[in-house]
N, C-alpha and C. Protein backbone atom coordinates (compact mmCIF):
# COMPACT_ATOMS: atom_id res chain seq x y z
N MET A 1 100.77 77.67 87.53
CA MET A 1 100.26 76.75 88.66
C MET A 1 100.00 75.40 88.10
N ALA A 2 100.27 74.45 89.06
CA ALA A 2 100.07 72.89 88.58
C ALA A 2 98.70 72.70 88.65
N THR A 3 98.08 71.72 87.84
CA THR A 3 96.96 71.24 87.77
C THR A 3 96.76 69.83 88.35
N PRO A 4 95.44 69.52 89.00
CA PRO A 4 95.37 68.37 89.56
C PRO A 4 95.64 67.10 88.73
N PRO A 5 96.31 65.87 89.19
CA PRO A 5 96.45 65.73 90.41
C PRO A 5 97.90 66.32 90.81
N TYR A 6 98.01 66.75 91.90
CA TYR A 6 99.06 67.69 92.51
C TYR A 6 100.08 66.47 93.26
N VAL A 7 101.42 67.03 92.92
CA VAL A 7 102.34 66.23 93.84
C VAL A 7 102.12 66.49 95.38
N THR A 8 102.01 65.39 96.06
CA THR A 8 101.79 65.38 97.40
C THR A 8 103.10 65.01 98.28
N ALA A 9 103.27 66.19 99.22
CA ALA A 9 104.41 66.05 100.09
C ALA A 9 104.03 65.22 101.28
N ASP A 10 104.94 64.65 102.03
CA ASP A 10 104.59 63.62 103.23
C ASP A 10 103.76 64.35 104.28
N ASP A 11 102.86 63.85 104.85
CA ASP A 11 102.28 64.45 106.07
C ASP A 11 103.51 64.96 107.21
N GLY A 12 103.38 66.06 107.82
CA GLY A 12 104.27 66.40 109.02
C GLY A 12 104.00 67.90 108.99
N ALA A 13 105.05 68.33 110.17
CA ALA A 13 105.07 69.76 110.77
C ALA A 13 105.62 70.62 109.61
N ASN A 14 106.81 69.97 108.92
CA ASN A 14 107.62 70.79 107.87
C ASN A 14 107.55 69.86 106.54
N ALA A 15 107.84 70.52 105.52
CA ALA A 15 108.10 69.95 104.34
C ALA A 15 109.62 70.30 103.85
N THR A 16 110.28 69.48 103.49
CA THR A 16 111.59 69.56 102.93
C THR A 16 111.72 69.48 101.55
N PHE A 17 112.48 70.27 100.92
CA PHE A 17 112.73 70.10 99.49
C PHE A 17 114.15 70.59 99.24
N ALA A 18 114.69 70.25 97.92
CA ALA A 18 115.79 70.48 97.44
C ALA A 18 116.02 71.08 96.11
N PHE A 19 116.98 71.90 96.05
CA PHE A 19 116.94 72.48 94.58
C PHE A 19 118.44 72.34 94.12
N GLY A 20 118.93 72.19 92.92
CA GLY A 20 120.20 71.57 92.74
C GLY A 20 121.26 72.74 92.04
N LEU A 21 120.76 74.14 92.42
CA LEU A 21 121.56 75.29 92.00
C LEU A 21 121.87 76.17 93.21
N ASP A 22 122.93 76.67 93.09
CA ASP A 22 123.31 77.81 94.18
C ASP A 22 122.76 78.85 94.02
N GLY A 23 122.55 79.83 95.02
CA GLY A 23 122.34 81.20 95.17
C GLY A 23 120.67 81.42 94.79
N TRP A 24 119.85 80.42 95.20
CA TRP A 24 118.56 80.80 95.06
C TRP A 24 117.86 80.87 96.21
N SER A 25 116.61 81.64 96.31
CA SER A 25 115.89 81.78 97.55
C SER A 25 114.41 81.54 97.04
N PHE A 26 113.55 81.06 98.15
CA PHE A 26 112.43 80.82 97.81
C PHE A 26 111.34 81.50 98.92
N THR A 27 110.13 81.71 98.45
CA THR A 27 108.91 82.32 98.96
C THR A 27 107.66 81.17 98.65
N ALA A 28 106.85 81.21 99.46
CA ALA A 28 105.54 80.57 99.22
C ALA A 28 104.43 81.01 100.06
N VAL A 29 103.32 80.76 99.36
CA VAL A 29 101.93 80.98 100.26
C VAL A 29 101.04 79.50 100.20
N ALA A 30 100.17 79.40 101.03
CA ALA A 30 99.47 78.17 101.11
C ALA A 30 97.97 78.47 100.96
N GLN A 31 97.25 77.76 100.16
CA GLN A 31 95.78 77.82 99.83
C GLN A 31 95.09 76.51 100.51
N PRO A 32 94.17 76.78 101.53
CA PRO A 32 93.43 75.72 102.25
C PRO A 32 92.61 74.58 101.06
N LEU A 33 92.78 73.57 101.26
CA LEU A 33 92.12 72.52 100.26
C LEU A 33 91.17 71.97 101.11
N SER A 34 90.30 72.86 101.54
CA SER A 34 88.98 72.20 102.43
C SER A 34 87.96 71.62 101.26
N LYS A 35 88.09 72.24 100.00
CA LYS A 35 87.22 71.59 99.08
C LYS A 35 87.94 71.07 98.01
N PRO A 36 87.31 70.05 97.05
CA PRO A 36 88.21 69.56 95.87
C PRO A 36 88.80 70.61 95.13
N ALA A 37 90.07 70.43 94.76
CA ALA A 37 90.88 71.40 94.14
C ALA A 37 90.09 72.22 92.87
N ALA A 38 89.17 71.49 92.12
CA ALA A 38 88.65 71.87 91.05
C ALA A 38 87.53 73.21 91.40
N GLN A 39 87.16 73.07 92.74
CA GLN A 39 86.03 73.85 93.25
C GLN A 39 86.83 74.81 94.18
N LEU A 40 87.85 75.01 94.05
CA LEU A 40 88.47 76.12 95.00
C LEU A 40 87.73 77.42 94.81
N ASP A 41 87.45 78.28 96.04
CA ASP A 41 86.92 79.48 95.98
C ASP A 41 87.90 80.64 95.41
N PRO A 42 87.82 81.34 94.41
CA PRO A 42 88.83 82.27 94.12
C PRO A 42 89.18 83.32 95.10
N CYS A 43 88.35 83.31 95.97
CA CYS A 43 88.54 84.33 97.16
C CYS A 43 89.17 83.70 98.23
N THR A 44 89.48 82.46 98.31
CA THR A 44 90.19 81.77 99.48
C THR A 44 91.31 82.56 100.01
N ARG A 45 91.34 82.71 101.28
CA ARG A 45 92.55 83.36 101.83
C ARG A 45 93.81 82.59 101.83
N PHE A 46 94.94 83.34 101.33
CA PHE A 46 96.26 82.50 101.19
C PHE A 46 97.08 82.75 102.65
N LEU A 47 97.43 81.62 103.01
CA LEU A 47 98.52 81.89 104.38
C LEU A 47 100.00 81.73 103.89
N ASP A 48 100.80 82.72 104.78
CA ASP A 48 102.12 82.73 104.56
C ASP A 48 102.79 81.39 104.89
N VAL A 49 104.04 81.02 104.04
CA VAL A 49 104.77 79.84 104.21
C VAL A 49 106.03 80.31 104.65
N THR A 50 106.70 79.98 105.68
CA THR A 50 108.03 80.24 106.14
C THR A 50 109.00 79.18 105.40
N VAL A 51 109.96 79.67 104.54
CA VAL A 51 110.96 78.90 103.96
C VAL A 51 112.13 79.27 104.33
N THR A 52 112.76 78.25 104.99
CA THR A 52 114.18 78.39 105.49
C THR A 52 115.36 77.49 105.05
N PRO A 53 116.54 78.01 104.70
CA PRO A 53 117.53 77.03 104.24
C PRO A 53 117.90 76.08 105.25
N VAL A 54 118.06 74.90 104.95
CA VAL A 54 118.56 73.91 105.99
C VAL A 54 119.52 73.19 105.32
N GLY A 55 120.87 73.44 105.60
CA GLY A 55 122.03 72.91 104.72
C GLY A 55 121.89 73.19 103.29
N GLU A 56 121.94 71.99 102.43
CA GLU A 56 121.77 72.24 101.09
C GLU A 56 120.15 72.15 100.53
N ALA A 57 119.46 72.06 101.46
CA ALA A 57 117.85 72.03 101.23
C ALA A 57 117.31 73.12 101.75
N PHE A 58 115.84 72.98 101.71
CA PHE A 58 114.90 74.07 102.19
C PHE A 58 113.77 73.49 102.95
N GLN A 59 113.36 74.15 104.04
CA GLN A 59 112.30 73.79 104.94
C GLN A 59 111.12 74.84 104.96
N ALA A 60 109.90 74.01 104.72
CA ALA A 60 108.88 75.00 104.58
C ALA A 60 107.89 74.68 105.80
N SER A 61 107.19 75.66 106.36
CA SER A 61 106.17 75.42 107.37
C SER A 61 105.04 76.45 107.11
N VAL A 62 103.80 75.98 107.23
CA VAL A 62 102.75 76.89 107.09
C VAL A 62 102.52 77.63 108.31
N GLU A 63 102.16 79.08 108.19
CA GLU A 63 101.85 79.74 109.26
C GLU A 63 100.31 79.71 109.58
N GLY A 64 99.76 78.71 110.26
CA GLY A 64 98.39 78.33 110.34
C GLY A 64 98.09 77.28 110.94
N PRO A 65 96.52 76.94 110.93
CA PRO A 65 96.05 75.73 111.61
C PRO A 65 96.60 74.33 110.88
N ALA A 66 96.78 73.31 111.54
CA ALA A 66 97.14 72.11 110.94
C ALA A 66 95.82 71.80 109.89
N GLY A 67 96.03 71.13 108.72
CA GLY A 67 95.19 71.12 107.78
C GLY A 67 95.67 70.55 106.24
N ARG A 68 94.89 70.44 105.25
CA ARG A 68 95.57 70.25 104.07
C ARG A 68 95.43 71.35 103.39
N TYR A 69 96.56 71.57 102.59
CA TYR A 69 96.93 72.86 101.73
C TYR A 69 97.39 72.52 100.29
N LEU A 70 97.17 73.44 99.52
CA LEU A 70 98.04 73.62 98.23
C LEU A 70 99.00 74.74 98.38
N VAL A 71 100.41 74.38 98.41
CA VAL A 71 101.26 75.28 98.44
C VAL A 71 101.88 75.84 97.22
N HIS A 72 101.82 77.09 97.03
CA HIS A 72 102.46 77.58 95.82
C HIS A 72 103.97 78.25 95.97
N LEU A 73 104.94 77.65 95.42
CA LEU A 73 106.32 77.88 95.72
C LEU A 73 106.81 78.68 94.59
N GLN A 74 107.42 79.74 94.78
CA GLN A 74 108.27 80.61 93.91
C GLN A 74 109.67 80.72 94.14
N GLY A 75 110.72 80.58 93.19
CA GLY A 75 111.91 80.71 93.26
C GLY A 75 112.60 81.70 92.59
N GLN A 76 113.78 82.31 93.17
CA GLN A 76 114.50 83.23 92.26
C GLN A 76 116.05 82.98 92.54
N GLY A 77 116.61 83.14 91.29
CA GLY A 77 118.03 82.90 91.38
C GLY A 77 118.93 83.69 90.48
N PRO A 78 120.16 83.27 90.12
CA PRO A 78 121.09 83.87 89.10
C PRO A 78 120.47 83.47 87.71
N GLN A 79 120.01 82.12 87.46
CA GLN A 79 119.59 81.75 86.16
C GLN A 79 118.04 82.30 85.71
N GLY A 80 117.29 82.79 86.78
CA GLY A 80 115.84 83.21 86.55
C GLY A 80 115.02 82.84 87.65
N SER A 81 113.86 82.36 87.31
CA SER A 81 112.72 82.06 88.27
C SER A 81 112.30 80.81 88.12
N VAL A 82 111.73 79.97 89.02
CA VAL A 82 110.85 78.89 88.84
C VAL A 82 109.44 78.91 89.70
N SER A 83 108.58 78.16 89.32
CA SER A 83 107.34 78.21 90.28
C SER A 83 107.02 76.66 90.34
N SER A 84 106.38 76.25 91.46
CA SER A 84 105.79 74.92 91.60
C SER A 84 104.61 74.97 92.59
N SER A 85 103.69 73.79 92.50
CA SER A 85 102.69 73.81 93.55
C SER A 85 102.77 72.39 93.90
N PHE A 86 102.37 72.07 95.45
CA PHE A 86 102.19 70.72 95.68
C PHE A 86 101.34 70.75 96.85
N ALA A 87 100.51 69.56 96.99
CA ALA A 87 99.47 69.40 98.05
C ALA A 87 100.23 69.00 99.26
N TRP A 88 99.91 69.41 100.57
CA TRP A 88 100.60 69.10 101.79
C TRP A 88 99.54 69.02 103.11
N THR A 89 99.50 67.93 103.78
CA THR A 89 98.77 67.99 104.78
C THR A 89 99.66 68.23 105.95
N THR A 90 99.35 69.42 106.62
CA THR A 90 100.26 69.65 107.98
C THR A 90 99.81 69.15 109.15
N THR A 91 100.72 69.06 110.14
CA THR A 91 100.10 68.25 111.50
C THR A 91 100.38 69.18 112.56
N ALA A 92 100.72 70.45 112.43
CA ALA A 92 101.31 71.49 113.41
C ALA A 92 100.41 72.77 113.38
N ASP A 93 99.86 73.01 114.39
CA ASP A 93 99.10 74.39 114.34
C ASP A 93 100.17 75.42 114.72
N ARG A 94 100.11 76.65 113.95
CA ARG A 94 101.14 77.78 114.26
C ARG A 94 100.25 79.03 114.13
N PRO A 95 100.49 79.90 114.86
CA PRO A 95 99.82 81.30 115.00
C PRO A 95 100.03 81.76 113.47
N SER A 96 98.96 82.59 112.97
CA SER A 96 99.09 83.32 111.83
C SER A 96 100.08 84.50 112.11
N PRO A 97 100.93 84.89 111.05
CA PRO A 97 102.03 85.89 111.10
C PRO A 97 101.21 87.32 111.12
N PRO A 98 101.89 88.37 111.68
CA PRO A 98 101.49 89.68 111.56
C PRO A 98 100.98 90.33 110.28
N ALA A 99 99.88 91.10 110.09
CA ALA A 99 99.72 91.54 108.63
C ALA A 99 101.00 92.39 108.51
N ARG A 100 101.18 92.37 107.02
CA ARG A 100 102.46 93.30 106.66
C ARG A 100 102.11 94.15 105.42
N GLY A 101 102.93 95.17 105.01
CA GLY A 101 102.80 95.90 103.96
C GLY A 101 103.88 96.53 103.28
N TYR A 102 103.76 97.24 102.26
CA TYR A 102 104.97 97.78 101.62
C TYR A 102 104.57 99.02 100.97
N LEU A 103 105.53 99.84 100.66
CA LEU A 103 105.32 100.97 99.83
C LEU A 103 106.25 100.98 98.64
N ALA A 104 105.79 101.07 97.34
CA ALA A 104 106.66 101.39 96.30
C ALA A 104 106.48 102.84 95.71
N LEU A 105 107.63 103.55 95.75
CA LEU A 105 107.55 104.82 95.42
C LEU A 105 108.82 105.25 94.74
N LEU A 106 110.00 105.16 95.30
CA LEU A 106 111.19 105.72 94.54
C LEU A 106 111.90 104.49 93.99
N THR A 107 112.60 104.75 92.96
CA THR A 107 113.42 103.77 92.31
C THR A 107 114.83 104.60 91.63
N GLU A 108 115.57 103.83 90.95
CA GLU A 108 116.75 104.40 90.48
C GLU A 108 116.86 103.88 88.93
N ILE A 109 116.82 104.89 87.93
CA ILE A 109 116.78 104.42 86.66
C ILE A 109 118.20 105.17 86.03
N ASP A 110 119.23 104.27 85.55
CA ASP A 110 120.40 104.96 85.07
C ASP A 110 121.11 105.79 85.90
N GLY A 111 121.08 105.47 87.18
CA GLY A 111 121.76 106.15 88.09
C GLY A 111 120.97 107.49 88.67
N GLU A 112 119.83 107.57 88.22
CA GLU A 112 118.85 108.86 88.71
C GLU A 112 117.74 108.59 89.29
N LEU A 113 117.56 109.34 90.36
CA LEU A 113 116.20 109.02 91.39
C LEU A 113 115.10 109.16 90.21
N ASP A 114 114.05 108.14 90.33
CA ASP A 114 112.89 108.28 89.63
C ASP A 114 111.66 107.75 90.21
N SER A 115 110.41 107.72 89.55
CA SER A 115 109.29 107.03 90.47
C SER A 115 108.22 106.82 89.31
N TYR A 116 107.50 105.70 89.59
CA TYR A 116 106.51 105.25 88.53
C TYR A 116 105.18 105.48 89.16
N GLY A 117 105.03 106.24 90.49
CA GLY A 117 103.90 106.45 91.13
C GLY A 117 103.96 105.87 92.68
N VAL A 118 102.86 105.86 93.28
CA VAL A 118 102.74 105.37 94.55
C VAL A 118 102.05 103.97 94.35
N GLU A 119 102.37 102.83 95.26
CA GLU A 119 101.75 101.56 95.53
C GLU A 119 101.76 101.37 96.81
N VAL A 120 100.78 101.04 97.61
CA VAL A 120 100.75 100.66 98.90
C VAL A 120 100.20 99.10 98.75
N GLY A 121 100.84 98.02 99.23
CA GLY A 121 100.26 96.80 99.24
C GLY A 121 100.22 96.26 100.51
N LEU A 122 98.96 95.85 101.03
CA LEU A 122 98.96 94.91 102.64
C LEU A 122 98.24 93.62 102.18
N ARG A 123 98.71 92.68 103.19
CA ARG A 123 98.00 91.43 103.35
C ARG A 123 98.07 90.93 104.66
N GLY A 124 97.34 89.78 104.81
CA GLY A 124 97.30 89.35 106.25
C GLY A 124 96.41 90.08 107.03
N LEU A 125 95.60 90.94 106.81
CA LEU A 125 94.70 91.84 107.56
C LEU A 125 93.45 90.75 107.98
N ASP A 126 92.87 91.64 109.11
CA ASP A 126 91.78 90.66 109.74
C ASP A 126 90.56 90.62 108.70
N ARG A 127 90.38 91.43 107.61
CA ARG A 127 89.47 91.56 106.64
C ARG A 127 89.75 92.32 105.66
N GLY A 128 88.87 92.59 104.74
CA GLY A 128 89.07 93.55 103.73
C GLY A 128 88.70 94.88 103.96
N TYR A 129 89.14 95.94 103.56
CA TYR A 129 88.96 97.30 103.82
C TYR A 129 88.64 98.15 102.57
N PRO A 130 87.50 98.10 101.71
CA PRO A 130 87.26 98.55 100.61
C PRO A 130 87.51 100.41 100.70
N ASP A 131 87.29 100.80 101.90
CA ASP A 131 87.43 102.36 101.96
C ASP A 131 88.61 102.91 102.30
N ALA A 132 89.78 101.93 102.31
CA ALA A 132 91.04 102.16 102.87
C ALA A 132 91.80 103.35 102.10
N THR A 133 92.63 104.25 102.76
CA THR A 133 93.24 105.40 102.10
C THR A 133 94.68 105.41 102.63
N ALA A 134 95.37 105.87 101.77
CA ALA A 134 96.95 106.19 102.06
C ALA A 134 97.36 107.28 101.60
N THR A 135 98.20 107.98 102.59
CA THR A 135 99.12 109.11 102.18
C THR A 135 100.44 108.87 102.27
N ALA A 136 101.35 109.14 101.32
CA ALA A 136 102.94 108.75 101.54
C ALA A 136 103.66 110.07 101.34
N THR A 137 104.67 110.06 102.48
CA THR A 137 105.60 111.09 102.50
C THR A 137 106.91 110.52 102.34
N VAL A 138 107.91 111.09 101.46
CA VAL A 138 109.25 110.57 101.28
C VAL A 138 110.33 111.97 101.83
N THR A 139 111.26 111.68 102.56
CA THR A 139 112.11 112.71 103.23
C THR A 139 113.57 112.50 102.89
N ALA A 140 114.22 113.31 102.32
CA ALA A 140 115.73 113.11 101.91
C ALA A 140 116.55 113.41 103.32
N ALA A 141 117.82 113.15 102.99
CA ALA A 141 118.68 113.22 104.37
C ALA A 141 118.69 114.62 104.47
N ASP A 142 118.77 115.67 103.50
CA ASP A 142 118.89 117.14 104.00
C ASP A 142 117.57 117.67 104.42
N GLY A 143 116.28 116.89 104.54
CA GLY A 143 115.14 117.35 105.07
C GLY A 143 114.13 117.66 103.99
N SER A 144 114.65 117.87 102.55
CA SER A 144 113.60 118.02 101.72
C SER A 144 112.38 116.91 101.67
N SER A 145 111.25 117.35 101.25
CA SER A 145 110.43 116.17 101.32
C SER A 145 109.15 116.51 100.20
N GLN A 146 108.48 115.32 99.83
CA GLN A 146 107.29 115.36 99.10
C GLN A 146 106.35 114.38 99.45
N THR A 147 104.93 114.99 99.64
CA THR A 147 103.86 114.11 99.94
C THR A 147 102.96 113.88 98.83
N TYR A 148 102.33 112.51 98.73
CA TYR A 148 101.57 112.24 97.62
C TYR A 148 100.22 111.58 98.32
N GLY A 149 99.03 111.78 97.68
CA GLY A 149 97.89 111.44 98.18
C GLY A 149 97.15 112.44 98.93
N PRO A 150 95.96 111.90 99.42
CA PRO A 150 95.64 110.61 99.91
C PRO A 150 95.03 109.87 98.72
N TYR A 151 95.36 108.65 98.61
CA TYR A 151 94.71 107.74 97.67
C TYR A 151 93.86 106.55 98.23
N THR A 152 93.07 106.09 97.44
CA THR A 152 91.98 105.20 97.85
C THR A 152 92.21 103.90 97.11
N GLU A 153 91.62 102.76 97.91
CA GLU A 153 91.85 101.44 97.02
C GLU A 153 91.23 101.50 95.88
N ARG A 154 91.98 100.97 94.88
CA ARG A 154 91.68 101.18 93.62
C ARG A 154 91.19 100.04 92.78
N ASP A 155 92.04 98.83 93.14
CA ASP A 155 92.15 97.65 92.18
C ASP A 155 91.90 96.37 93.18
N GLY A 156 90.82 96.51 94.06
CA GLY A 156 90.13 95.59 94.87
C GLY A 156 89.73 94.33 94.01
N ASN A 157 90.05 93.25 94.42
CA ASN A 157 89.45 92.10 93.78
C ASN A 157 88.17 91.42 94.06
N GLY A 158 87.50 92.41 94.79
CA GLY A 158 86.17 91.83 95.36
C GLY A 158 86.01 90.67 96.28
N CYS A 159 87.15 90.53 96.86
CA CYS A 159 87.33 89.34 97.69
C CYS A 159 87.31 89.95 99.26
N ASP A 160 86.82 89.22 100.28
CA ASP A 160 87.32 89.74 101.50
C ASP A 160 88.37 88.64 102.11
N ASP A 161 89.61 88.76 101.55
CA ASP A 161 90.73 88.06 101.64
C ASP A 161 91.80 88.71 102.64
N GLY A 162 91.47 89.77 103.12
CA GLY A 162 92.44 90.54 103.84
C GLY A 162 93.69 91.27 103.20
N SER A 163 93.38 91.56 101.78
CA SER A 163 94.36 92.18 101.07
C SER A 163 93.90 93.59 100.67
N VAL A 164 94.63 94.57 100.75
CA VAL A 164 94.45 95.91 100.38
C VAL A 164 95.52 96.44 99.43
N PHE A 165 95.19 96.87 98.22
CA PHE A 165 96.04 97.51 97.22
C PHE A 165 95.65 98.86 96.76
N ILE A 166 96.60 99.75 97.07
CA ILE A 166 96.07 101.34 97.01
C ILE A 166 97.25 101.77 96.04
N THR A 167 96.79 102.63 94.93
CA THR A 167 97.79 102.96 93.92
C THR A 167 97.14 104.36 93.54
N SER A 168 98.34 105.41 93.17
CA SER A 168 98.15 106.65 92.69
C SER A 168 97.35 106.44 91.28
N PRO A 169 96.60 107.18 90.76
CA PRO A 169 95.85 107.08 89.53
C PRO A 169 96.73 106.85 88.30
N ARG A 170 96.33 105.96 87.57
CA ARG A 170 97.11 105.16 86.42
C ARG A 170 97.47 106.16 85.18
N ASP A 171 96.39 107.21 85.29
CA ASP A 171 96.51 108.00 84.19
C ASP A 171 97.21 109.36 84.64
N GLN A 172 97.83 109.35 85.83
CA GLN A 172 98.37 110.60 86.29
C GLN A 172 99.90 110.59 85.67
N GLU A 173 100.14 111.93 85.44
CA GLU A 173 101.54 112.02 84.80
C GLU A 173 102.54 112.14 86.12
N TRP A 174 103.59 111.54 86.19
CA TRP A 174 104.20 111.42 87.56
C TRP A 174 105.63 112.08 87.22
N PRO A 175 105.91 113.33 87.76
CA PRO A 175 107.21 113.80 87.66
C PRO A 175 108.46 113.16 88.43
N THR A 176 109.53 113.51 87.90
CA THR A 176 110.74 113.18 88.85
C THR A 176 110.75 113.69 90.09
N PRO A 177 110.90 112.91 91.13
CA PRO A 177 110.84 113.69 92.61
C PRO A 177 111.84 114.56 92.66
N GLU A 178 111.62 115.68 93.26
CA GLU A 178 112.59 116.84 93.55
C GLU A 178 112.93 116.64 94.96
N LEU A 179 114.13 115.90 95.14
CA LEU A 179 114.61 115.48 96.53
C LEU A 179 116.15 115.59 96.70
N GLY A 180 116.45 115.89 97.51
CA GLY A 180 118.02 115.87 98.15
C GLY A 180 118.59 114.47 97.82
N PRO A 181 119.66 114.48 98.75
CA PRO A 181 120.47 113.03 98.51
C PRO A 181 119.78 112.20 99.79
N GLY A 182 120.10 110.87 99.32
CA GLY A 182 119.35 109.70 100.32
C GLY A 182 120.45 109.57 101.32
N PRO A 183 120.07 108.49 102.19
CA PRO A 183 118.78 107.76 102.21
C PRO A 183 117.57 108.38 102.39
N TYR A 184 116.40 107.71 102.10
CA TYR A 184 115.26 108.43 102.10
C TYR A 184 114.10 107.69 103.02
N GLN A 185 113.60 108.61 104.00
CA GLN A 185 112.57 108.02 104.82
C GLN A 185 111.24 107.96 104.30
N TYR A 186 110.71 106.94 104.43
CA TYR A 186 109.14 106.73 103.93
C TYR A 186 108.34 107.02 105.04
N ARG A 187 107.05 107.40 104.92
CA ARG A 187 106.02 107.38 105.88
C ARG A 187 104.88 107.17 105.16
N VAL A 188 103.96 106.38 105.57
CA VAL A 188 102.64 106.02 105.02
C VAL A 188 101.63 106.12 106.22
N ASP A 189 100.70 107.28 106.11
CA ASP A 189 99.61 107.47 106.91
C ASP A 189 98.54 106.62 106.26
N LEU A 190 97.92 105.40 106.88
CA LEU A 190 97.15 104.52 106.47
C LEU A 190 95.76 104.50 107.28
N ARG A 191 94.69 104.70 106.51
CA ARG A 191 93.31 104.66 107.31
C ARG A 191 92.67 103.47 106.96
N LEU A 192 92.27 102.53 107.81
CA LEU A 192 91.51 101.43 107.74
C LEU A 192 90.39 101.64 108.90
N GLY A 193 89.17 101.72 108.13
CA GLY A 193 88.10 101.80 109.00
C GLY A 193 88.25 103.25 109.82
N GLN A 194 88.05 103.10 111.31
CA GLN A 194 88.05 104.41 111.82
C GLN A 194 89.56 104.56 112.56
N GLN A 195 90.54 103.62 112.21
CA GLN A 195 91.66 103.68 112.84
C GLN A 195 92.79 104.13 111.82
N THR A 196 93.82 104.91 112.28
CA THR A 196 94.95 105.24 111.59
C THR A 196 96.39 104.61 111.94
N TYR A 197 97.02 103.99 110.87
CA TYR A 197 98.06 103.28 111.36
C TYR A 197 99.28 103.95 110.33
N VAL A 198 100.59 104.35 111.09
CA VAL A 198 101.63 104.82 110.39
C VAL A 198 102.60 103.73 109.95
N GLY A 199 102.94 103.77 108.97
CA GLY A 199 104.08 102.96 108.57
C GLY A 199 105.38 103.63 108.02
N THR A 200 106.56 103.11 108.51
CA THR A 200 107.71 103.76 108.09
C THR A 200 108.73 102.74 107.68
N ALA A 201 109.83 103.39 106.89
CA ALA A 201 110.82 102.52 106.38
C ALA A 201 111.85 103.33 105.59
N VAL A 202 113.04 102.91 105.59
CA VAL A 202 114.26 103.63 104.77
C VAL A 202 114.34 102.98 103.45
N TRP A 203 114.35 103.95 102.57
CA TRP A 203 114.65 103.50 101.16
C TRP A 203 116.12 103.80 100.75
N PRO A 204 117.09 103.07 100.24
CA PRO A 204 116.88 101.75 99.60
C PRO A 204 117.11 100.61 100.80
N ARG A 205 117.48 100.91 102.05
CA ARG A 205 117.70 99.96 102.96
C ARG A 205 116.63 98.86 103.11
N ASP A 206 115.61 99.23 103.20
CA ASP A 206 114.52 98.26 103.36
C ASP A 206 113.81 97.68 102.27
N GLU A 207 114.25 98.00 101.17
CA GLU A 207 113.77 97.31 99.89
C GLU A 207 113.76 95.89 99.81
N ARG A 208 112.59 95.40 99.37
CA ARG A 208 112.65 93.82 99.40
C ARG A 208 113.74 93.07 98.20
N ARG A 209 114.23 92.29 98.47
CA ARG A 209 115.13 91.61 97.68
C ARG A 209 114.29 90.82 96.40
N ASP A 210 114.60 91.00 95.25
CA ASP A 210 114.04 90.50 93.94
C ASP A 210 112.59 91.21 93.96
N GLU A 211 112.10 92.22 94.62
CA GLU A 211 110.91 92.68 94.38
C GLU A 211 111.03 94.37 94.53
N ALA A 212 112.06 94.88 93.76
CA ALA A 212 112.26 96.30 94.04
C ALA A 212 111.13 97.07 93.00
N PRO A 213 110.70 97.94 93.25
CA PRO A 213 111.03 98.93 94.44
C PRO A 213 110.15 98.77 95.63
N ASN A 214 109.67 97.59 95.78
CA ASN A 214 108.72 97.45 97.10
C ASN A 214 109.51 97.28 98.29
N THR A 215 109.19 98.43 99.16
CA THR A 215 110.07 98.44 100.58
C THR A 215 109.02 98.37 101.81
N ASP A 216 109.39 97.26 102.53
CA ASP A 216 108.68 96.90 103.74
C ASP A 216 108.58 98.13 104.70
N LEU A 217 107.41 98.08 105.09
CA LEU A 217 106.95 99.33 106.20
C LEU A 217 106.63 98.49 107.49
N VAL A 218 107.21 99.18 108.57
CA VAL A 218 106.95 98.74 109.89
C VAL A 218 105.82 99.67 110.51
N PHE A 219 104.64 99.34 110.97
CA PHE A 219 103.43 100.02 111.28
C PHE A 219 103.29 100.31 112.93
N ASP A 220 102.91 101.29 113.26
CA ASP A 220 102.49 101.59 114.63
C ASP A 220 101.35 102.51 114.61
N PRO A 221 100.14 101.67 115.28
CA PRO A 221 100.19 100.53 116.04
C PRO A 221 100.28 99.34 114.83
N PRO A 222 100.63 98.26 115.39
CA PRO A 222 100.52 97.02 114.33
C PRO A 222 99.32 96.95 113.62
N LEU A 223 99.48 96.32 112.39
CA LEU A 223 98.15 96.26 111.51
C LEU A 223 97.30 95.18 112.18
N PRO A 224 95.91 95.34 112.08
CA PRO A 224 95.15 94.36 112.57
C PRO A 224 95.24 92.94 111.71
N ARG A 225 95.56 91.94 112.43
CA ARG A 225 95.98 90.71 111.47
C ARG A 225 94.93 89.60 111.79
N TYR A 226 94.81 88.82 110.82
CA TYR A 226 93.85 87.69 110.82
C TYR A 226 94.33 86.60 111.56
N ALA A 227 93.53 86.14 112.54
CA ALA A 227 93.63 85.22 113.61
C ALA A 227 93.26 83.77 113.11
N THR A 228 94.04 82.72 113.18
CA THR A 228 93.68 81.53 112.73
C THR A 228 93.28 80.82 113.78
N ASN A 229 93.76 81.01 115.03
CA ASN A 229 93.54 80.15 116.43
C ASN A 229 93.68 81.20 117.39
């Protein structure tokens, strides 16, 4: 992370930046700069930043109210990865994006199906849920299935920042999944407060690029999101 003073982008609805190598993609989050940078609350909620290729450059826009932000930029490409931060005052109000989540369960090692355990990550929720629980089920194309959990929030950071991170026990011995051929249907039964949310995905189809084995889930009903306006 950069340290003050930060590079400052021009004020505007969008920020445009260029990168001189081919085959790269970028993601970003924004941290409100309502306080002096040296006094930032470690529990400050991060907002999503949409990064879109525009010709040979990239355009970023904060998903949230107009204001001053510290933007943390991450890039991935054939040569490796880069990171940078810049300060930016936005002039456009945008609604916050939907809350989103992923399941990491299956992976492939030397051509064989394997797993390092269960991990469910959620961000952009309306608030924190220290009592959250999750049960994960994976079903192969031939109908064979395995269920794991329920597991509870284990690695909370003590902040009410709308993030939830649930994992299987770190000291649990994890056997290789006994499943038939893929593709594999994921189902997560997630309990937040008094409400159950069902997340689904197909692995490896929905696996995140550059974040394997994290696989994006679609929830029904939609997760409760943080409203910025």
